[in-house]
Protein backbone atom coordinates (compact mmCIF):
# COMPACT_ATOMS: atom_id res chain seq x y z
CA MET A 1 99.30 60.72 83.67
CA ASP A 2 98.34 64.01 82.04
CA THR A 3 94.71 63.17 81.46
CA GLU A 4 92.11 65.87 81.73
CA PRO A 5 88.93 65.08 83.66
CA THR A 6 85.87 64.57 81.54
CA PRO A 7 83.34 67.38 81.83
CA ALA A 8 80.09 66.68 83.61
CA PRO A 9 77.09 66.19 81.32
CA ILE A 10 74.65 69.04 81.00
CA ILE A 11 71.61 68.32 83.13
CA GLY A 12 68.58 67.72 80.94
CA SER A 13 70.53 67.12 77.75
CA GLN A 14 69.38 63.48 77.55
CA TYR A 15 65.71 64.41 77.14
CA GLN A 16 64.01 64.89 73.79
CA ALA A 17 61.62 67.81 73.30
CA GLY A 18 58.87 65.46 72.11
CA ASP A 19 59.14 63.36 75.27
CA ILE A 20 58.74 66.41 77.47
CA ALA A 21 55.79 67.68 75.42
CA TRP A 22 54.03 64.32 75.59
CA THR A 23 54.55 64.08 79.36
CA LEU A 24 53.19 67.60 79.90
CA THR A 25 50.20 66.87 77.64
CA CYS A 26 49.35 63.71 79.57
CA THR A 27 49.74 65.57 82.86
CA ALA A 28 47.33 68.29 81.71
CA LEU A 29 44.78 65.70 80.59
CA VAL A 30 44.93 63.92 83.94
CA TRP A 31 44.52 67.21 85.80
CA LEU A 32 41.42 67.93 83.70
CA MET A 33 40.08 64.47 84.46
CA ILE A 34 40.33 64.79 88.26
CA PRO A 35 37.40 67.24 88.73
CA GLY A 36 35.35 64.94 86.50
CA ILE A 37 36.03 62.10 88.89
CA GLY A 38 34.89 64.37 91.71
CA TYR A 39 31.63 65.03 89.88
CA PHE A 40 31.22 61.29 89.31
CA TYR A 41 31.77 60.54 92.99
CA SER A 42 29.40 63.32 94.05
CA GLY A 43 26.73 61.94 91.74
CA MET A 44 26.82 58.66 93.61
CA ALA A 45 26.73 60.29 97.05
CA ARG A 46 24.10 62.29 98.89
CA SER A 47 23.62 65.87 97.71
CA LYS A 48 24.93 67.38 100.97
CA ASN A 49 28.29 65.63 100.44
CA ALA A 50 28.74 66.64 96.79
CA LEU A 51 30.91 69.71 97.34
CA SER A 52 33.17 67.95 99.82
CA LEU A 53 33.77 65.08 97.39
CA ILE A 54 34.62 67.46 94.54
CA MET A 55 37.01 69.38 96.80
CA LEU A 56 38.57 66.11 97.96
CA SER A 57 39.28 65.13 94.38
CA CYS A 58 40.75 68.54 93.57
CA CYS A 59 42.89 68.62 96.73
CA SER A 60 44.45 65.35 95.67
CA VAL A 61 46.11 67.27 92.81
CA ALA A 62 47.86 69.52 95.34
CA VAL A 63 48.99 66.60 97.48
CA VAL A 64 50.35 64.62 94.56
CA SER A 65 52.08 67.70 93.11
CA VAL A 66 53.92 68.27 96.39
CA GLN A 67 54.89 64.61 96.58
CA VAL A 68 56.21 64.52 93.01
CA THR A 69 58.14 67.76 93.48
CA SER A 70 59.74 66.59 96.70
CA THR A 71 60.73 63.18 95.34
CA LYS A 72 62.16 64.66 92.13
CA SER A 73 64.54 66.78 94.18
CA VAL A 74 65.68 63.62 95.97
CA GLN A 75 65.96 61.52 92.80
CA VAL A 76 67.79 64.06 90.65
CA GLY A 77 70.72 65.55 92.51
CA ALA A 78 73.42 67.94 91.36
CA ASN A 79 75.98 65.17 90.89
CA CYS A 80 73.78 62.60 89.18
CA SER A 81 74.76 61.46 85.73
CA PRO A 82 72.06 60.24 83.34
CA THR A 83 73.85 57.01 82.47
């Protein structure tokens, strides 16, 4: 009964650098695409509503960023193991 406890895995050791780079690249491309969607929406609306539609599209980035950040802290806790 002299067994040593296994050490906890290092958090983040299961991720490959290429996976993280690809995820960040896709995130940056989506963030660049969101103002374009705002311009598209404002082109279909009346001219007095154009700025509000662009701002609505850009504010969605802030809302989604807060949601992702808050759910990641719930999903990945200090005692979670990757397997």
